[in-house]
Amino acid sequence: MTKDHSEQAPGATTESGDIRADVTRVLKDIIARRTQRDSAGWTEQTELKDTGLDSFDAIECIFELEEHYTVDIDFNANNPDTKLETIGDFIDLATRAIVAGPKG
């Protein structure tokens, strides 16, 4: 089952859409730098494995996003409910954390 990442959650504001667009740009830049690959063809449906990102790099990307946005991203690699398979999954996770607010 493929998630449709293009729709905003009910009650989402334009601000969260703007945040999502920024997270998309920042995340693609981070992944491209880590994998030394061109992100031009990547979409939200692109699987992380197809970007060249490994599980260690994915965790490092979370740390970079947390630092960039000054938030805590709730991710547990051992919890199958928070599995990151696509760029869109990653964007969803980060956007939720950013909309929730800065870390305390």
PDB file of N, CA and C in Angstrom:
ATOM      1  N   MET A   1       0.839  -1.178   0.000  1.00  0.00           N
ATOM      2  CA  MET A   1       0.000   0.000   0.000  1.00  0.00           C
ATOM      3  C   MET A   1       0.883   1.240   0.000  1.00  0.00           C
ATOM      4  N   THR A   2       0.678   2.118  -0.935  1.00  0.00           N
ATOM      5  CA  THR A   2       1.479   3.323  -1.066  1.00  0.00           C
ATOM      6  C   THR A   2       0.771   4.484  -0.417  1.00  0.00           C
ATOM      7  N   LYS A   3       1.500   5.236   0.367  1.00  0.00           N
ATOM      8  CA  LYS A   3       0.936   6.417   1.001  1.00  0.00           C
ATOM      9  C   LYS A   3       0.912   7.553   0.005  1.00  0.00           C
ATOM     10  N   ASP A   4      -0.142   8.372   0.048  1.00  0.00           N
ATOM     11  CA  ASP A   4      -0.190   9.578  -0.772  1.00  0.00           C
ATOM     12  C   ASP A   4       0.255  10.723   0.101  1.00  0.00           C
ATOM     13  N   HIS A   5       1.491  11.161  -0.098  1.00  0.00           N
ATOM     14  CA  HIS A   5       2.072  12.197   0.744  1.00  0.00           C
ATOM     15  C   HIS A   5       1.713  13.598   0.271  1.00  0.00           C
ATOM     16  N   SER A   6       0.971  13.701  -0.824  1.00  0.00           N
ATOM     17  CA  SER A   6       0.674  15.019  -1.380  1.00  0.00           C
ATOM     18  C   SER A   6      -0.468  15.713  -0.654  1.00  0.00           C
ATOM     19  N   GLU A   7      -1.294  14.968   0.062  1.00  0.00           N
ATOM     20  CA  GLU A   7      -2.413  15.578   0.758  1.00  0.00           C
ATOM     21  C   GLU A   7      -2.006  15.965   2.165  1.00  0.00           C
ATOM     22  N   GLN A   8      -2.496  17.133   2.597  1.00  0.00           N
ATOM     23  CA  GLN A   8      -2.229  17.562   3.957  1.00  0.00           C
ATOM     24  C   GLN A   8      -3.244  16.907   4.886  1.00  0.00           C
ATOM     25  N   ALA A   9      -2.854  16.772   6.115  1.00  0.00           N
ATOM     26  CA  ALA A   9      -3.750  16.212   7.121  1.00  0.00           C
ATOM     27  C   ALA A   9      -4.915  17.155   7.335  1.00  0.00           C
ATOM     28  N   PRO A  10      -6.078  16.614   7.728  1.00  0.00           N
ATOM     29  CA  PRO A  10      -7.214  17.491   8.013  1.00  0.00           C
ATOM     30  C   PRO A  10      -6.824  18.536   9.049  1.00  0.00           C
ATOM     31  N   GLY A  11      -7.188  19.767   8.787  1.00  0.00           N
ATOM     32  CA  GLY A  11      -6.876  20.841   9.722  1.00  0.00           C
ATOM     33  C   GLY A  11      -5.488  21.413   9.545  1.00  0.00           C
ATOM     34  N   ALA A  12      -4.708  20.873   8.599  1.00  0.00           N
ATOM     35  CA  ALA A  12      -3.354  21.383   8.380  1.00  0.00           C
ATOM     36  C   ALA A  12      -3.438  22.774   7.779  1.00  0.00           C
ATOM     37  N   THR A  13      -2.481  23.592   8.114  1.00  0.00           N
ATOM     38  CA  THR A  13      -2.484  24.961   7.623  1.00  0.00           C
ATOM     39  C   THR A  13      -1.528  25.098   6.452  1.00  0.00           C
ATOM     40  N   THR A  14      -1.603  26.218   5.789  1.00  0.00           N
ATOM     41  CA  THR A  14      -0.660  26.502   4.721  1.00  0.00           C
ATOM     42  C   THR A  14       0.745  26.507   5.281  1.00  0.00           C
ATOM     43  N   GLU A  15       0.877  26.949   6.526  1.00  0.00           N
ATOM     44  CA  GLU A  15       2.202  26.974   7.161  1.00  0.00           C
ATOM     45  C   GLU A  15       2.812  25.580   7.172  1.00  0.00           C
ATOM     46  N   SER A  16       2.021  24.549   7.513  1.00  0.00           N
ATOM     47  CA  SER A  16       2.580  23.196   7.540  1.00  0.00           C
ATOM     48  C   SER A  16       2.955  22.752   6.123  1.00  0.00           C
ATOM     49  N   GLY A  17       2.218  23.240   5.104  1.00  0.00           N
ATOM     50  CA  GLY A  17       2.588  22.966   3.719  1.00  0.00           C
ATOM     51  C   GLY A  17       3.906  23.618   3.368  1.00  0.00           C
ATOM     52  N   ASP A  18       4.099  24.860   3.841  1.00  0.00           N
ATOM     53  CA  ASP A  18       5.369  25.560   3.631  1.00  0.00           C
ATOM     54  C   ASP A  18       6.499  24.832   4.349  1.00  0.00           C
ATOM     55  N   ILE A  19       6.223  24.366   5.550  1.00  0.00           N
ATOM     56  CA  ILE A  19       7.221  23.613   6.315  1.00  0.00           C
ATOM     57  C   ILE A  19       7.571  22.331   5.568  1.00  0.00           C
ATOM     58  N   ARG A  20       6.562  21.650   5.066  1.00  0.00           N
ATOM     59  CA  ARG A  20       6.776  20.398   4.335  1.00  0.00           C
ATOM     60  C   ARG A  20       7.675  20.638   3.114  1.00  0.00           C
ATOM     61  N   ALA A  21       7.419  21.716   2.391  1.00  0.00           N
ATOM     62  CA  ALA A  21       8.239  22.038   1.221  1.00  0.00           C
ATOM     63  C   ALA A  21       9.683  22.303   1.631  1.00  0.00           C
ATOM     64  N   ASP A  22       9.865  23.011   2.741  1.00  0.00           N
ATOM     65  CA  ASP A  22      11.219  23.298   3.217  1.00  0.00           C
ATOM     66  C   ASP A  22      11.907  22.011   3.673  1.00  0.00           C
ATOM     67  N   VAL A  23      11.181  21.159   4.415  1.00  0.00           N
ATOM     68  CA  VAL A  23      11.753  19.889   4.872  1.00  0.00           C
ATOM     69  C   VAL A  23      12.153  19.038   3.667  1.00  0.00           C
ATOM     70  N   THR A  24      11.329  19.031   2.640  1.00  0.00           N
ATOM     71  CA  THR A  24      11.640  18.262   1.438  1.00  0.00           C
ATOM     72  C   THR A  24      12.966  18.719   0.844  1.00  0.00           C
ATOM     73  N   ARG A  25      13.118  20.017   0.708  1.00  0.00           N
ATOM     74  CA  ARG A  25      14.361  20.583   0.148  1.00  0.00           C
ATOM     75  C   ARG A  25      15.560  20.248   1.020  1.00  0.00           C
ATOM     76  N   VAL A  26      15.439  20.493   2.330  1.00  0.00           N
ATOM     77  CA  VAL A  26      16.547  20.268   3.263  1.00  0.00           C
ATOM     78  C   VAL A  26      16.909  18.781   3.317  1.00  0.00           C
ATOM     79  N   LEU A  27      15.906  17.919   3.415  1.00  0.00           N
ATOM     80  CA  LEU A  27      16.169  16.483   3.492  1.00  0.00           C
ATOM     81  C   LEU A  27      16.860  15.972   2.231  1.00  0.00           C
ATOM     82  N   LYS A  28      16.367  16.368   1.066  1.00  0.00           N
ATOM     83  CA  LYS A  28      17.010  15.934  -0.180  1.00  0.00           C
ATOM     84  C   LYS A  28      18.457  16.402  -0.236  1.00  0.00           C
ATOM     85  N   ASP A  29      18.713  17.625   0.225  1.00  0.00           N
ATOM     86  CA  ASP A  29      20.093  18.131   0.259  1.00  0.00           C
ATOM     87  C   ASP A  29      20.967  17.295   1.191  1.00  0.00           C
ATOM     88  N   ILE A  30      20.433  16.961   2.359  1.00  0.00           N
ATOM     89  CA  ILE A  30      21.187  16.162   3.327  1.00  0.00           C
ATOM     90  C   ILE A  30      21.493  14.781   2.747  1.00  0.00           C
ATOM     91  N   ILE A  31      20.477  14.127   2.181  1.00  0.00           N
ATOM     92  CA  ILE A  31      20.674  12.785   1.629  1.00  0.00           C
ATOM     93  C   ILE A  31      21.663  12.825   0.468  1.00  0.00           C
ATOM     94  N   ALA A  32      21.509  13.809  -0.412  1.00  0.00           N
ATOM     95  CA  ALA A  32      22.412  13.915  -1.565  1.00  0.00           C
ATOM     96  C   ALA A  32      23.855  14.110  -1.114  1.00  0.00           C
ATOM     97  N   ARG A  33      24.047  14.926  -0.098  1.00  0.00           N
ATOM     98  CA  ARG A  33      25.401  15.160   0.412  1.00  0.00           C
ATOM     99  C   ARG A  33      25.965  13.888   1.030  1.00  0.00           C
ATOM    100  N   ARG A  34      25.152  13.168   1.795  1.00  0.00           N
ATOM    101  CA  ARG A  34      25.619  11.949   2.458  1.00  0.00           C
ATOM    102  C   ARG A  34      25.913  10.826   1.456  1.00  0.00           C
ATOM    103  N   THR A  35      25.092  10.731   0.429  1.00  0.00           N
ATOM    104  CA  THR A  35      25.239   9.635  -0.523  1.00  0.00           C
ATOM    105  C   THR A  35      26.050  10.021  -1.754  1.00  0.00           C
ATOM    106  N   GLN A  36      26.322  11.313  -1.890  1.00  0.00           N
ATOM    107  CA  GLN A  36      27.030  11.857  -3.041  1.00  0.00           C
ATOM    108  C   GLN A  36      26.319  11.482  -4.348  1.00  0.00           C
ATOM    109  N   ARG A  37      24.988  11.623  -4.305  1.00  0.00           N
ATOM    110  CA  ARG A  37      24.154  11.351  -5.476  1.00  0.00           C
ATOM    111  C   ARG A  37      23.309  12.583  -5.794  1.00  0.00           C
ATOM    112  N   ASP A  38      22.852  12.661  -7.031  1.00  0.00           N
ATOM    113  CA  ASP A  38      22.004  13.753  -7.489  1.00  0.00           C
ATOM    114  C   ASP A  38      20.558  13.476  -7.074  1.00  0.00           C
ATOM    115  N   SER A  39      19.933  14.435  -6.415  1.00  0.00           N
ATOM    116  CA  SER A  39      18.575  14.259  -5.913  1.00  0.00           C
ATOM    117  C   SER A  39      17.502  14.712  -6.897  1.00  0.00           C
ATOM    118  N   ALA A  40      17.891  15.140  -8.084  1.00  0.00           N
ATOM    119  CA  ALA A  40      16.947  15.739  -9.036  1.00  0.00           C
ATOM    120  C   ALA A  40      15.741  14.846  -9.353  1.00  0.00           C
ATOM    121  N   GLY A  41      15.911  13.570  -9.466  1.00  0.00           N
ATOM    122  CA  GLY A  41      14.813  12.681  -9.826  1.00  0.00           C
ATOM    123  C   GLY A  41      14.035  12.111  -8.655  1.00  0.00           C
ATOM    124  N   TRP A  42      14.425  12.461  -7.453  1.00  0.00           N
ATOM    125  CA  TRP A  42      13.774  11.891  -6.278  1.00  0.00           C
ATOM    126  C   TRP A  42      12.424  12.536  -6.034  1.00  0.00           C
ATOM    127  N   THR A  43      11.453  11.708  -5.676  1.00  0.00           N
ATOM    128  CA  THR A  43      10.127  12.180  -5.298  1.00  0.00           C
ATOM    129  C   THR A  43       9.832  11.657  -3.897  1.00  0.00           C
ATOM    130  N   GLU A  44       8.671  11.994  -3.379  1.00  0.00           N
ATOM    131  CA  GLU A  44       8.297  11.486  -2.063  1.00  0.00           C
ATOM    132  C   GLU A  44       8.098   9.974  -2.083  1.00  0.00           C
ATOM    133  N   GLN A  45       7.861   9.409  -3.246  1.00  0.00           N
ATOM    134  CA  GLN A  45       7.679   7.962  -3.348  1.00  0.00           C
ATOM    135  C   GLN A  45       9.003   7.217  -3.509  1.00  0.00           C
ATOM    136  N   THR A  46      10.097   7.940  -3.698  1.00  0.00           N
ATOM    137  CA  THR A  46      11.409   7.304  -3.848  1.00  0.00           C
ATOM    138  C   THR A  46      11.769   6.572  -2.560  1.00  0.00           C
ATOM    139  N   GLU A  47      12.109   5.300  -2.706  1.00  0.00           N
ATOM    140  CA  GLU A  47      12.502   4.522  -1.537  1.00  0.00           C
ATOM    141  C   GLU A  47      13.897   4.957  -1.095  1.00  0.00           C
ATOM    142  N   LEU A  48      14.082   5.010   0.217  1.00  0.00           N
ATOM    143  CA  LEU A  48      15.370   5.457   0.760  1.00  0.00           C
ATOM    144  C   LEU A  48      16.514   4.593   0.254  1.00  0.00           C
ATOM    145  N   LYS A  49      16.278   3.299   0.115  1.00  0.00           N
ATOM    146  CA  LYS A  49      17.337   2.411  -0.383  1.00  0.00           C
ATOM    147  C   LYS A  49      17.770   2.800  -1.791  1.00  0.00           C
ATOM    148  N   ASP A  50      16.853   3.391  -2.573  1.00  0.00           N
ATOM    149  CA  ASP A  50      17.188   3.802  -3.936  1.00  0.00           C
ATOM    150  C   ASP A  50      17.993   5.097  -3.976  1.00  0.00           C
ATOM    151  N   THR A  51      18.087   5.788  -2.844  1.00  0.00           N
ATOM    152  CA  THR A  51      18.905   7.001  -2.779  1.00  0.00           C
ATOM    153  C   THR A  51      20.345   6.669  -2.409  1.00  0.00           C
ATOM    154  N   GLY A  52      20.572   5.436  -1.937  1.00  0.00           N
ATOM    155  CA  GLY A  52      21.897   5.041  -1.478  1.00  0.00           C
ATOM    156  C   GLY A  52      22.066   5.207   0.019  1.00  0.00           C
ATOM    157  N   LEU A  53      20.997   5.630   0.691  1.00  0.00           N
ATOM    158  CA  LEU A  53      21.043   5.856   2.134  1.00  0.00           C
ATOM    159  C   LEU A  53      20.952   4.523   2.870  1.00  0.00           C
ATOM    160  N   ASP A  54      21.834   4.306   3.841  1.00  0.00           N
ATOM    161  CA  ASP A  54      21.727   3.104   4.659  1.00  0.00           C
ATOM    162  C   ASP A  54      21.106   3.483   6.007  1.00  0.00           C
ATOM    163  N   SER A  55      20.870   2.501   6.851  1.00  0.00           N
ATOM    164  CA  SER A  55      20.169   2.763   8.111  1.00  0.00           C
ATOM    165  C   SER A  55      20.958   3.695   9.024  1.00  0.00           C
ATOM    166  N   PHE A  56      22.267   3.568   9.042  1.00  0.00           N
ATOM    167  CA  PHE A  56      23.085   4.472   9.861  1.00  0.00           C
ATOM    168  C   PHE A  56      22.963   5.907   9.352  1.00  0.00           C
ATOM    169  N   ASP A  57      23.044   6.070   8.029  1.00  0.00           N
ATOM    170  CA  ASP A  57      22.905   7.407   7.443  1.00  0.00           C
ATOM    171  C   ASP A  57      21.524   7.996   7.733  1.00  0.00           C
ATOM    172  N   ALA A  58      20.499   7.161   7.729  1.00  0.00           N
ATOM    173  CA  ALA A  58      19.142   7.650   8.017  1.00  0.00           C
ATOM    174  C   ALA A  58      19.079   8.241   9.423  1.00  0.00           C
ATOM    175  N   ILE A  59      19.696   7.576  10.383  1.00  0.00           N
ATOM    176  CA  ILE A  59      19.730   8.092  11.756  1.00  0.00           C
ATOM    177  C   ILE A  59      20.510   9.404  11.798  1.00  0.00           C
ATOM    178  N   GLU A  60      21.609   9.467  11.083  1.00  0.00           N
ATOM    179  CA  GLU A  60      22.382  10.716  11.021  1.00  0.00           C
ATOM    180  C   GLU A  60      21.573  11.839  10.379  1.00  0.00           C
ATOM    181  N   CYS A  61      20.746  11.508   9.399  1.00  0.00           N
ATOM    182  CA  CYS A  61      19.874  12.515   8.777  1.00  0.00           C
ATOM    183  C   CYS A  61      18.872  13.052   9.792  1.00  0.00           C
ATOM    184  N   ILE A  62      18.356  12.169  10.640  1.00  0.00           N
ATOM    185  CA  ILE A  62      17.433  12.613  11.693  1.00  0.00           C
ATOM    186  C   ILE A  62      18.141  13.601  12.603  1.00  0.00           C
ATOM    187  N   PHE A  63      19.368  13.288  13.002  1.00  0.00           N
ATOM    188  CA  PHE A  63      20.125  14.203  13.862  1.00  0.00           C
ATOM    189  C   PHE A  63      20.328  15.554  13.175  1.00  0.00           C
ATOM    190  N   GLU A  64      20.648  15.530  11.887  1.00  0.00           N
ATOM    191  CA  GLU A  64      20.854  16.785  11.163  1.00  0.00           C
ATOM    192  C   GLU A  64      19.569  17.600  11.079  1.00  0.00           C
ATOM    193  N   LEU A  65      18.457  16.925  10.824  1.00  0.00           N
ATOM    194  CA  LEU A  65      17.170  17.637  10.769  1.00  0.00           C
ATOM    195  C   LEU A  65      16.807  18.211  12.135  1.00  0.00           C
ATOM    196  N   GLU A  66      17.052  17.436  13.200  1.00  0.00           N
ATOM    197  CA  GLU A  66      16.774  17.933  14.550  1.00  0.00           C
ATOM    198  C   GLU A  66      17.588  19.189  14.836  1.00  0.00           C
ATOM    199  N   GLU A  67      18.839  19.166  14.468  1.00  0.00           N
ATOM    200  CA  GLU A  67      19.697  20.323  14.699  1.00  0.00           C
ATOM    201  C   GLU A  67      19.267  21.508  13.828  1.00  0.00           C
ATOM    202  N   HIS A  68      18.973  21.236  12.572  1.00  0.00           N
ATOM    203  CA  HIS A  68      18.590  22.295  11.639  1.00  0.00           C
ATOM    204  C   HIS A  68      17.318  23.013  12.096  1.00  0.00           C
ATOM    205  N   TYR A  69      16.321  22.237  12.547  1.00  0.00           N
ATOM    206  CA  TYR A  69      15.022  22.806  12.928  1.00  0.00           C
ATOM    207  C   TYR A  69      14.846  22.984  14.433  1.00  0.00           C
ATOM    208  N   THR A  70      15.838  22.612  15.230  1.00  0.00           N
ATOM    209  CA  THR A  70      15.794  22.695  16.690  1.00  0.00           C
ATOM    210  C   THR A  70      14.541  22.004  17.243  1.00  0.00           C
ATOM    211  N   VAL A  71      14.374  20.740  16.857  1.00  0.00           N
ATOM    212  CA  VAL A  71      13.249  19.926  17.313  1.00  0.00           C
ATOM    213  C   VAL A  71      13.741  18.539  17.691  1.00  0.00           C
ATOM    214  N   ASP A  72      12.887  17.819  18.383  1.00  0.00           N
ATOM    215  CA  ASP A  72      13.131  16.400  18.643  1.00  0.00           C
ATOM    216  C   ASP A  72      12.245  15.612  17.695  1.00  0.00           C
ATOM    217  N   ILE A  73      12.834  14.745  16.906  1.00  0.00           N
ATOM    218  CA  ILE A  73      12.072  13.893  16.004  1.00  0.00           C
ATOM    219  C   ILE A  73      11.939  12.536  16.674  1.00  0.00           C
ATOM    220  N   ASP A  74      10.689  12.148  16.930  1.00  0.00           N
ATOM    221  CA  ASP A  74      10.396  10.904  17.625  1.00  0.00           C
ATOM    222  C   ASP A  74      10.535   9.738  16.653  1.00  0.00           C
ATOM    223  N   PHE A  75      11.681   9.061  16.729  1.00  0.00           N
ATOM    224  CA  PHE A  75      11.926   7.923  15.859  1.00  0.00           C
ATOM    225  C   PHE A  75      12.587   6.812  16.648  1.00  0.00           C
ATOM    226  N   ASN A  76      12.050   5.619  16.502  1.00  0.00           N
ATOM    227  CA  ASN A  76      12.618   4.441  17.134  1.00  0.00           C
ATOM    228  C   ASN A  76      12.777   3.387  16.040  1.00  0.00           C
ATOM    229  N   ALA A  77      13.994   3.088  15.675  1.00  0.00           N
ATOM    230  CA  ALA A  77      14.265   2.142  14.589  1.00  0.00           C
ATOM    231  C   ALA A  77      13.720   0.751  14.889  1.00  0.00           C
ATOM    232  N   ASN A  78      13.478   0.440  16.161  1.00  0.00           N
ATOM    233  CA  ASN A  78      12.968  -0.875  16.532  1.00  0.00           C
ATOM    234  C   ASN A  78      11.448  -0.943  16.524  1.00  0.00           C
ATOM    235  N   ASN A  79      10.777   0.202  16.296  1.00  0.00           N
ATOM    236  CA  ASN A  79       9.327   0.239  16.260  1.00  0.00           C
ATOM    237  C   ASN A  79       8.858   0.205  14.810  1.00  0.00           C
ATOM    238  N   PRO A  80       8.177  -0.862  14.391  1.00  0.00           N
ATOM    239  CA  PRO A  80       7.761  -0.959  12.989  1.00  0.00           C
ATOM    240  C   PRO A  80       6.772   0.130  12.572  1.00  0.00           C
ATOM    241  N   ASP A  81       6.103   0.765  13.520  1.00  0.00           N
ATOM    242  CA  ASP A  81       5.174   1.847  13.185  1.00  0.00           C
ATOM    243  C   ASP A  81       5.893   3.101  12.720  1.00  0.00           C
ATOM    244  N   THR A  82       7.183   3.220  13.019  1.00  0.00           N
ATOM    245  CA  THR A  82       7.938   4.401  12.609  1.00  0.00           C
ATOM    246  C   THR A  82       8.973   4.048  11.545  1.00  0.00           C
ATOM    247  N   LYS A  83       8.706   3.015  10.796  1.00  0.00           N
ATOM    248  CA  LYS A  83       9.634   2.578   9.756  1.00  0.00           C
ATOM    249  C   LYS A  83       9.707   3.623   8.651  1.00  0.00           C
ATOM    250  N   LEU A  84      10.912   3.936   8.240  1.00  0.00           N
ATOM    251  CA  LEU A  84      11.141   4.888   7.163  1.00  0.00           C
ATOM    252  C   LEU A  84      11.495   4.111   5.900  1.00  0.00           C
ATOM    253  N   GLU A  85      10.598   4.124   4.936  1.00  0.00           N
ATOM    254  CA  GLU A  85      10.854   3.414   3.688  1.00  0.00           C
ATOM    255  C   GLU A  85      11.038   4.358   2.508  1.00  0.00           C
ATOM    256  N   THR A  86      10.351   5.506   2.540  1.00  0.00           N
ATOM    257  CA  THR A  86      10.417   6.437   1.412  1.00  0.00           C
ATOM    258  C   THR A  86      10.828   7.827   1.901  1.00  0.00           C
ATOM    259  N   ILE A  87      11.182   8.663   0.948  1.00  0.00           N
ATOM    260  CA  ILE A  87      11.478  10.054   1.289  1.00  0.00           C
ATOM    261  C   ILE A  87      10.242  10.695   1.914  1.00  0.00           C
ATOM    262  N   GLY A  88       9.070  10.363   1.407  1.00  0.00           N
ATOM    263  CA  GLY A  88       7.826  10.908   1.957  1.00  0.00           C
ATOM    264  C   GLY A  88       7.607  10.520   3.408  1.00  0.00           C
ATOM    265  N   ASP A  89       7.941   9.270   3.770  1.00  0.00           N
ATOM    266  CA  ASP A  89       7.839   8.841   5.173  1.00  0.00           C
ATOM    267  C   ASP A  89       8.722   9.722   6.051  1.00  0.00           C
ATOM    268  N   PHE A  90       9.910   9.985   5.566  1.00  0.00           N
ATOM    269  CA  PHE A  90      10.887  10.800   6.298  1.00  0.00           C
ATOM    270  C   PHE A  90      10.360  12.231   6.451  1.00  0.00           C
ATOM    271  N   ILE A  91       9.815  12.770   5.369  1.00  0.00           N
ATOM    272  CA  ILE A  91       9.275  14.129   5.389  1.00  0.00           C
ATOM    273  C   ILE A  91       8.109  14.219   6.363  1.00  0.00           C
ATOM    274  N   ASP A  92       7.219  13.212   6.341  1.00  0.00           N
ATOM    275  CA  ASP A  92       6.084  13.183   7.271  1.00  0.00           C
ATOM    276  C   ASP A  92       6.565  13.232   8.718  1.00  0.00           C
ATOM    277  N   LEU A  93       7.531  12.395   9.039  1.00  0.00           N
ATOM    278  CA  LEU A  93       8.064  12.308  10.401  1.00  0.00           C
ATOM    279  C   LEU A  93       8.644  13.644  10.850  1.00  0.00           C
ATOM    280  N   ALA A  94       9.459  14.249  10.011  1.00  0.00           N
ATOM    281  CA  ALA A  94      10.094  15.520  10.358  1.00  0.00           C
ATOM    282  C   ALA A  94       9.084  16.650  10.435  1.00  0.00           C
ATOM    283  N   THR A  95       8.148  16.698   9.479  1.00  0.00           N
ATOM    284  CA  THR A  95       7.151  17.773   9.475  1.00  0.00           C
ATOM    285  C   THR A  95       6.289  17.732  10.738  1.00  0.00           C
ATOM    286  N   ARG A  96       5.880  16.531  11.161  1.00  0.00           N
ATOM    287  CA  ARG A  96       5.088  16.414  12.406  1.00  0.00           C
ATOM    288  C   ARG A  96       5.865  16.993  13.593  1.00  0.00           C
ATOM    289  N   ALA A  97       7.149  16.703  13.676  1.00  0.00           N
ATOM    290  CA  ALA A  97       7.964  17.189  14.786  1.00  0.00           C
ATOM    291  C   ALA A  97       8.087  18.715  14.736  1.00  0.00           C
ATOM    292  N   ILE A  98       8.258  19.253  13.555  1.00  0.00           N
ATOM    293  CA  ILE A  98       8.432  20.710  13.414  1.00  0.00           C
ATOM    294  C   ILE A  98       7.140  21.440  13.737  1.00  0.00           C
ATOM    295  N   VAL A  99       6.013  20.933  13.265  1.00  0.00           N
ATOM    296  CA  VAL A  99       4.716  21.545  13.546  1.00  0.00           C
ATOM    297  C   VAL A  99       4.427  21.478  15.039  1.00  0.00           C
ATOM    298  N   ALA A 100       4.867  20.390  15.705  1.00  0.00           N
ATOM    299  CA  ALA A 100       4.645  20.245  17.151  1.00  0.00           C
ATOM    300  C   ALA A 100       5.422  21.284  17.949  1.00  0.00           C
ATOM    301  N   GLY A 101       6.523  21.765  17.411  1.00  0.00           N
ATOM    302  CA  GLY A 101       7.253  22.829  18.080  1.00  0.00           C
ATOM    303  C   GLY A 101       8.666  22.451  18.478  1.00  0.00           C
ATOM    304  N   PRO A 102       9.428  23.460  18.893  1.00  0.00           N
ATOM    305  CA  PRO A 102      10.827  23.249  19.236  1.00  0.00           C
ATOM    306  C   PRO A 102      10.987  22.371  20.473  1.00  0.00           C
ATOM    307  N   LYS A 103      12.181  21.765  20.541  1.00  0.00           N
ATOM    308  CA  LYS A 103      12.447  20.924  21.705  1.00  0.00           C
ATOM    309  C   LYS A 103      12.608  21.783  22.939  1.00  0.00           C
ATOM    310  N   GLY A 104      12.260  21.184  24.025  1.00  0.00           N
ATOM    311  CA  GLY A 104      12.255  21.936  25.275  1.00  0.00           C
ATOM    312  C   GLY A 104      13.408  21.666  26.061  1.00  0.00           C
TER     313      GLY A 104
END
